[in-house]
């Protein structure tokens, strides 16, 4: 199974979500059954590292974004990823503009996994430290809900981690 995290430029939110998910999935025993990747709906930052503020914030949580390089969503992502996790409704709209119709049902808002069906992770790019911390707190909340969902999906008789 492959999960793709998507934001606009693939330098702030989606890389943070991918590394947070990697840690959470590892702790839940879901690795190596689940592959994780991230991409952006735009190609403006393609090939660039994650935003320095995301790298610093991730490091505070023991997460390494040093090897991340931004990339845009590719056509094959819609065939390879079983779940495409968007950070906000604009990302959903941008993805649906280019996704084949059969993939639409696999595109979900991250916060929907945390019980917030219309909840979004705001883009912190033009903000400061507080905006990055707020977005990352929401990302961790959404990833926790996604992890519970996947544990139940892969072990339907087991209890989800709390």
C-alpha atoms as a PDB file:
ATOM      1  CA  UNK A   1       0.000   0.000   0.000  1.00  0.00           C
ATOM      2  CA  UNK A   2       1.214   3.508  -0.800  1.00  0.00           C
ATOM      3  CA  UNK A   3       0.064   6.754   0.779  1.00  0.00           C
ATOM      4  CA  UNK A   4       0.837  10.082  -0.877  1.00  0.00           C
ATOM      5  CA  UNK A   5       0.724  13.320   1.127  1.00  0.00           C
ATOM      6  CA  UNK A   6       0.069  16.422  -0.973  1.00  0.00           C
ATOM      7  CA  UNK A   7       0.274  20.166  -0.408  1.00  0.00           C
ATOM      8  CA  UNK A   8       0.943  23.027  -2.789  1.00  0.00           C
ATOM      9  CA  UNK A   9       4.734  23.188  -3.165  1.00  0.00           C
ATOM     10  CA  UNK A  10       5.868  20.034  -1.336  1.00  0.00           C
ATOM     11  CA  UNK A  11       8.251  21.981   0.890  1.00  0.00           C
ATOM     12  CA  UNK A  12       6.244  22.646   4.090  1.00  0.00           C
ATOM     13  CA  UNK A  13       3.178  20.592   4.993  1.00  0.00           C
ATOM     14  CA  UNK A  14       3.368  17.402   2.924  1.00  0.00           C
ATOM     15  CA  UNK A  15       7.009  16.633   3.805  1.00  0.00           C
ATOM     16  CA  UNK A  16       6.183  17.180   7.486  1.00  0.00           C
ATOM     17  CA  UNK A  17       3.169  14.885   7.144  1.00  0.00           C
ATOM     18  CA  UNK A  18       5.257  12.213   5.415  1.00  0.00           C
ATOM     19  CA  UNK A  19       7.950  12.111   8.116  1.00  0.00           C
ATOM     20  CA  UNK A  20       5.387  12.292  10.926  1.00  0.00           C
ATOM     21  CA  UNK A  21       3.489   9.407   9.290  1.00  0.00           C
ATOM     22  CA  UNK A  22       6.697   7.424   8.910  1.00  0.00           C
ATOM     23  CA  UNK A  23       7.342   7.675  12.621  1.00  0.00           C
ATOM     24  CA  UNK A  24       3.713   6.933  13.572  1.00  0.00           C
ATOM     25  CA  UNK A  25       3.434   3.984  11.179  1.00  0.00           C
ATOM     26  CA  UNK A  26       6.707   2.550  12.472  1.00  0.00           C
ATOM     27  CA  UNK A  27       5.475   2.769  16.066  1.00  0.00           C
ATOM     28  CA  UNK A  28       2.160   1.127  15.064  1.00  0.00           C
ATOM     29  CA  UNK A  29       3.899  -1.760  13.287  1.00  0.00           C
ATOM     30  CA  UNK A  30       2.617  -0.750   9.857  1.00  0.00           C
ATOM     31  CA  UNK A  31       6.060  -0.511   8.243  1.00  0.00           C
ATOM     32  CA  UNK A  32       7.059  -1.964   5.744  1.00  0.00           C
ATOM     33  CA  UNK A  33       3.511  -2.726   4.585  1.00  0.00           C
ATOM     34  CA  UNK A  34       2.874   0.931   3.826  1.00  0.00           C
ATOM     35  CA  UNK A  35       5.048   3.107   1.587  1.00  0.00           C
ATOM     36  CA  UNK A  36       4.933   6.863   2.133  1.00  0.00           C
ATOM     37  CA  UNK A  37       5.651   9.668  -0.301  1.00  0.00           C
ATOM     38  CA  UNK A  38       4.835  13.357  -0.710  1.00  0.00           C
ATOM     39  CA  UNK A  39       4.323  15.715  -3.627  1.00  0.00           C
ATOM     40  CA  UNK A  40       2.999  19.136  -4.529  1.00  0.00           C
ATOM     41  CA  UNK A  41       0.245  20.328  -6.816  1.00  0.00           C
ATOM     42  CA  UNK A  42       2.665  22.905  -8.243  1.00  0.00           C
ATOM     43  CA  UNK A  43       6.144  22.359  -9.635  1.00  0.00           C
ATOM     44  CA  UNK A  44       7.565  25.735  -8.536  1.00  0.00           C
ATOM     45  CA  UNK A  45       9.872  24.154  -5.938  1.00  0.00           C
ATOM     46  CA  UNK A  46      10.725  20.910  -7.772  1.00  0.00           C
ATOM     47  CA  UNK A  47      14.111  19.570  -6.725  1.00  0.00           C
ATOM     48  CA  UNK A  48      14.455  21.926  -3.769  1.00  0.00           C
ATOM     49  CA  UNK A  49      14.843  20.815  -0.156  1.00  0.00           C
ATOM     50  CA  UNK A  50      12.082  21.261   2.386  1.00  0.00           C
ATOM     51  CA  UNK A  51      11.600  24.757   3.788  1.00  0.00           C
ATOM     52  CA  UNK A  52      14.227  25.460   6.465  1.00  0.00           C
ATOM     53  CA  UNK A  53      11.465  26.138   9.008  1.00  0.00           C
ATOM     54  CA  UNK A  54       9.959  22.702   8.354  1.00  0.00           C
ATOM     55  CA  UNK A  55      13.375  21.069   8.641  1.00  0.00           C
ATOM     56  CA  UNK A  56      14.032  22.784  11.988  1.00  0.00           C
ATOM     57  CA  UNK A  57      10.600  21.951  13.388  1.00  0.00           C
ATOM     58  CA  UNK A  58      10.845  18.318  12.289  1.00  0.00           C
ATOM     59  CA  UNK A  59      14.281  18.033  13.933  1.00  0.00           C
ATOM     60  CA  UNK A  60      12.789  19.150  17.253  1.00  0.00           C
ATOM     61  CA  UNK A  61      10.589  16.052  17.079  1.00  0.00           C
ATOM     62  CA  UNK A  62      13.447  13.761  16.070  1.00  0.00           C
ATOM     63  CA  UNK A  63      12.388  13.704  12.425  1.00  0.00           C
ATOM     64  CA  UNK A  64      14.790  14.152   9.531  1.00  0.00           C
ATOM     65  CA  UNK A  65      13.786  16.111   6.438  1.00  0.00           C
ATOM     66  CA  UNK A  66      17.378  16.543   5.257  1.00  0.00           C
ATOM     67  CA  UNK A  67      17.035  14.247   2.252  1.00  0.00           C
ATOM     68  CA  UNK A  68      13.681  15.588   1.063  1.00  0.00           C
ATOM     69  CA  UNK A  69      13.467  17.048  -2.430  1.00  0.00           C
ATOM     70  CA  UNK A  70      10.228  18.601  -3.619  1.00  0.00           C
ATOM     71  CA  UNK A  71       8.423  17.140  -6.589  1.00  0.00           C
ATOM     72  CA  UNK A  72       5.100  17.690  -8.298  1.00  0.00           C
ATOM     73  CA  UNK A  73       2.322  15.124  -8.403  1.00  0.00           C
ATOM     74  CA  UNK A  74       2.791  12.790 -11.383  1.00  0.00           C
ATOM     75  CA  UNK A  75       0.167  10.905 -13.361  1.00  0.00           C
ATOM     76  CA  UNK A  76       1.403   7.566 -12.031  1.00  0.00           C
ATOM     77  CA  UNK A  77       0.776   8.739  -8.447  1.00  0.00           C
ATOM     78  CA  UNK A  78      -2.949   8.374  -9.081  1.00  0.00           C
ATOM     79  CA  UNK A  79      -2.465   4.717  -9.992  1.00  0.00           C
ATOM     80  CA  UNK A  80       0.135   3.828  -7.340  1.00  0.00           C
ATOM     81  CA  UNK A  81      -1.260   5.530  -4.230  1.00  0.00           C
ATOM     82  CA  UNK A  82      -4.174   3.878  -2.504  1.00  0.00           C
ATOM     83  CA  UNK A  83      -4.774   6.983  -0.398  1.00  0.00           C
ATOM     84  CA  UNK A  84      -3.915  10.516  -1.514  1.00  0.00           C
ATOM     85  CA  UNK A  85      -3.949  12.796   1.503  1.00  0.00           C
ATOM     86  CA  UNK A  86      -4.394  16.524   0.828  1.00  0.00           C
ATOM     87  CA  UNK A  87      -3.726  19.277   3.330  1.00  0.00           C
ATOM     88  CA  UNK A  88      -6.535  21.627   2.268  1.00  0.00           C
ATOM     89  CA  UNK A  89      -9.540  21.953  -0.032  1.00  0.00           C
ATOM     90  CA  UNK A  90      -7.545  23.859  -2.659  1.00  0.00           C
ATOM     91  CA  UNK A  91      -5.214  20.848  -2.888  1.00  0.00           C
ATOM     92  CA  UNK A  92      -8.267  18.597  -3.299  1.00  0.00           C
ATOM     93  CA  UNK A  93      -9.589  20.769  -6.138  1.00  0.00           C
ATOM     94  CA  UNK A  94      -6.172  20.930  -7.825  1.00  0.00           C
ATOM     95  CA  UNK A  95      -5.767  17.152  -7.564  1.00  0.00           C
ATOM     96  CA  UNK A  96      -9.226  16.445  -8.948  1.00  0.00           C
ATOM     97  CA  UNK A  97      -8.521  18.674 -11.948  1.00  0.00           C
ATOM     98  CA  UNK A  98      -5.722  16.333 -13.034  1.00  0.00           C
ATOM     99  CA  UNK A  99      -6.707  12.984 -11.506  1.00  0.00           C
ATOM    100  CA  UNK A 100      -8.531  10.329 -13.479  1.00  0.00           C
ATOM    101  CA  UNK A 101     -12.106  10.010 -12.182  1.00  0.00           C
ATOM    102  CA  UNK A 102     -11.524   6.561 -10.599  1.00  0.00           C
ATOM    103  CA  UNK A 103      -8.898   8.134  -8.286  1.00  0.00           C
ATOM    104  CA  UNK A 104     -11.200  10.833  -6.900  1.00  0.00           C
ATOM    105  CA  UNK A 105     -12.511   8.615  -4.105  1.00  0.00           C
ATOM    106  CA  UNK A 106      -8.975   8.019  -2.853  1.00  0.00           C
ATOM    107  CA  UNK A 107      -8.294  11.753  -2.388  1.00  0.00           C
ATOM    108  CA  UNK A 108      -8.983  12.771   1.204  1.00  0.00           C
ATOM    109  CA  UNK A 109      -8.334  15.691   3.518  1.00  0.00           C
ATOM    110  CA  UNK A 110      -5.819  14.804   6.221  1.00  0.00           C
ATOM    111  CA  UNK A 111      -8.015  16.252   8.943  1.00  0.00           C
ATOM    112  CA  UNK A 112     -10.908  13.996   7.930  1.00  0.00           C
ATOM    113  CA  UNK A 113      -8.957  11.209   9.636  1.00  0.00           C
ATOM    114  CA  UNK A 114      -9.093  13.265  12.844  1.00  0.00           C
ATOM    115  CA  UNK A 115     -12.878  13.568  12.653  1.00  0.00           C
ATOM    116  CA  UNK A 116     -12.811  17.031  11.058  1.00  0.00           C
ATOM    117  CA  UNK A 117     -14.427  16.346   7.695  1.00  0.00           C
ATOM    118  CA  UNK A 118     -13.974  19.949   6.513  1.00  0.00           C
ATOM    119  CA  UNK A 119     -10.830  20.675   8.535  1.00  0.00           C
ATOM    120  CA  UNK A 120      -7.731  21.923   6.795  1.00  0.00           C
ATOM    121  CA  UNK A 121      -4.034  22.259   7.576  1.00  0.00           C
ATOM    122  CA  UNK A 122      -3.277  25.899   6.737  1.00  0.00           C
ATOM    123  CA  UNK A 123      -0.264  26.717   4.596  1.00  0.00           C
ATOM    124  CA  UNK A 124       2.356  28.262   6.924  1.00  0.00           C
ATOM    125  CA  UNK A 125       4.690  29.351   4.113  1.00  0.00           C
ATOM    126  CA  UNK A 126       4.062  33.090   4.441  1.00  0.00           C
ATOM    127  CA  UNK A 127       3.907  32.978   8.222  1.00  0.00           C
ATOM    128  CA  UNK A 128       6.390  32.584  10.996  1.00  0.00           C
ATOM    129  CA  UNK A 129       7.255  30.041  13.661  1.00  0.00           C
ATOM    130  CA  UNK A 130       3.765  30.098  15.209  1.00  0.00           C
ATOM    131  CA  UNK A 131       2.094  29.227  11.898  1.00  0.00           C
ATOM    132  CA  UNK A 132       4.481  26.326  11.309  1.00  0.00           C
ATOM    133  CA  UNK A 133       3.892  25.011  14.839  1.00  0.00           C
ATOM    134  CA  UNK A 134       0.111  25.285  14.400  1.00  0.00           C
ATOM    135  CA  UNK A 135       0.168  23.470  11.064  1.00  0.00           C
ATOM    136  CA  UNK A 136       2.446  20.760  12.425  1.00  0.00           C
ATOM    137  CA  UNK A 137       0.181  20.227  15.450  1.00  0.00           C
ATOM    138  CA  UNK A 138      -2.741  19.679  13.060  1.00  0.00           C
ATOM    139  CA  UNK A 139      -0.611  17.393  10.890  1.00  0.00           C
ATOM    140  CA  UNK A 140       0.277  15.247  13.905  1.00  0.00           C
ATOM    141  CA  UNK A 141      -3.404  15.078  14.883  1.00  0.00           C
ATOM    142  CA  UNK A 142      -4.410  14.033  11.361  1.00  0.00           C
ATOM    143  CA  UNK A 143      -1.579  11.489  11.132  1.00  0.00           C
ATOM    144  CA  UNK A 144      -2.651   9.977  14.463  1.00  0.00           C
ATOM    145  CA  UNK A 145      -6.170   9.496  13.089  1.00  0.00           C
ATOM    146  CA  UNK A 146      -4.850   8.090   9.819  1.00  0.00           C
ATOM    147  CA  UNK A 147      -2.645   5.664  11.761  1.00  0.00           C
ATOM    148  CA  UNK A 148      -5.640   4.404  13.764  1.00  0.00           C
ATOM    149  CA  UNK A 149      -7.579   3.994  10.524  1.00  0.00           C
ATOM    150  CA  UNK A 150      -4.766   1.976   8.937  1.00  0.00           C
ATOM    151  CA  UNK A 151      -4.219  -0.202  12.003  1.00  0.00           C
ATOM    152  CA  UNK A 152      -7.910  -1.079  11.922  1.00  0.00           C
ATOM    153  CA  UNK A 153      -7.789  -1.644   8.163  1.00  0.00           C
ATOM    154  CA  UNK A 154      -4.805  -4.000   8.400  1.00  0.00           C
ATOM    155  CA  UNK A 155      -5.851  -5.663  11.668  1.00  0.00           C
ATOM    156  CA  UNK A 156      -9.650  -5.472  11.762  1.00  0.00           C
ATOM    157  CA  UNK A 157      -9.969  -7.440  15.013  1.00  0.00           C
ATOM    158  CA  UNK A 158      -7.328  -5.484  16.908  1.00  0.00           C
ATOM    159  CA  UNK A 159      -7.584  -2.442  19.082  1.00  0.00           C
ATOM    160  CA  UNK A 160      -6.277   0.807  17.609  1.00  0.00           C
ATOM    161  CA  UNK A 161      -3.340   2.424  19.408  1.00  0.00           C
ATOM    162  CA  UNK A 162      -4.348   5.263  21.699  1.00  0.00           C
END
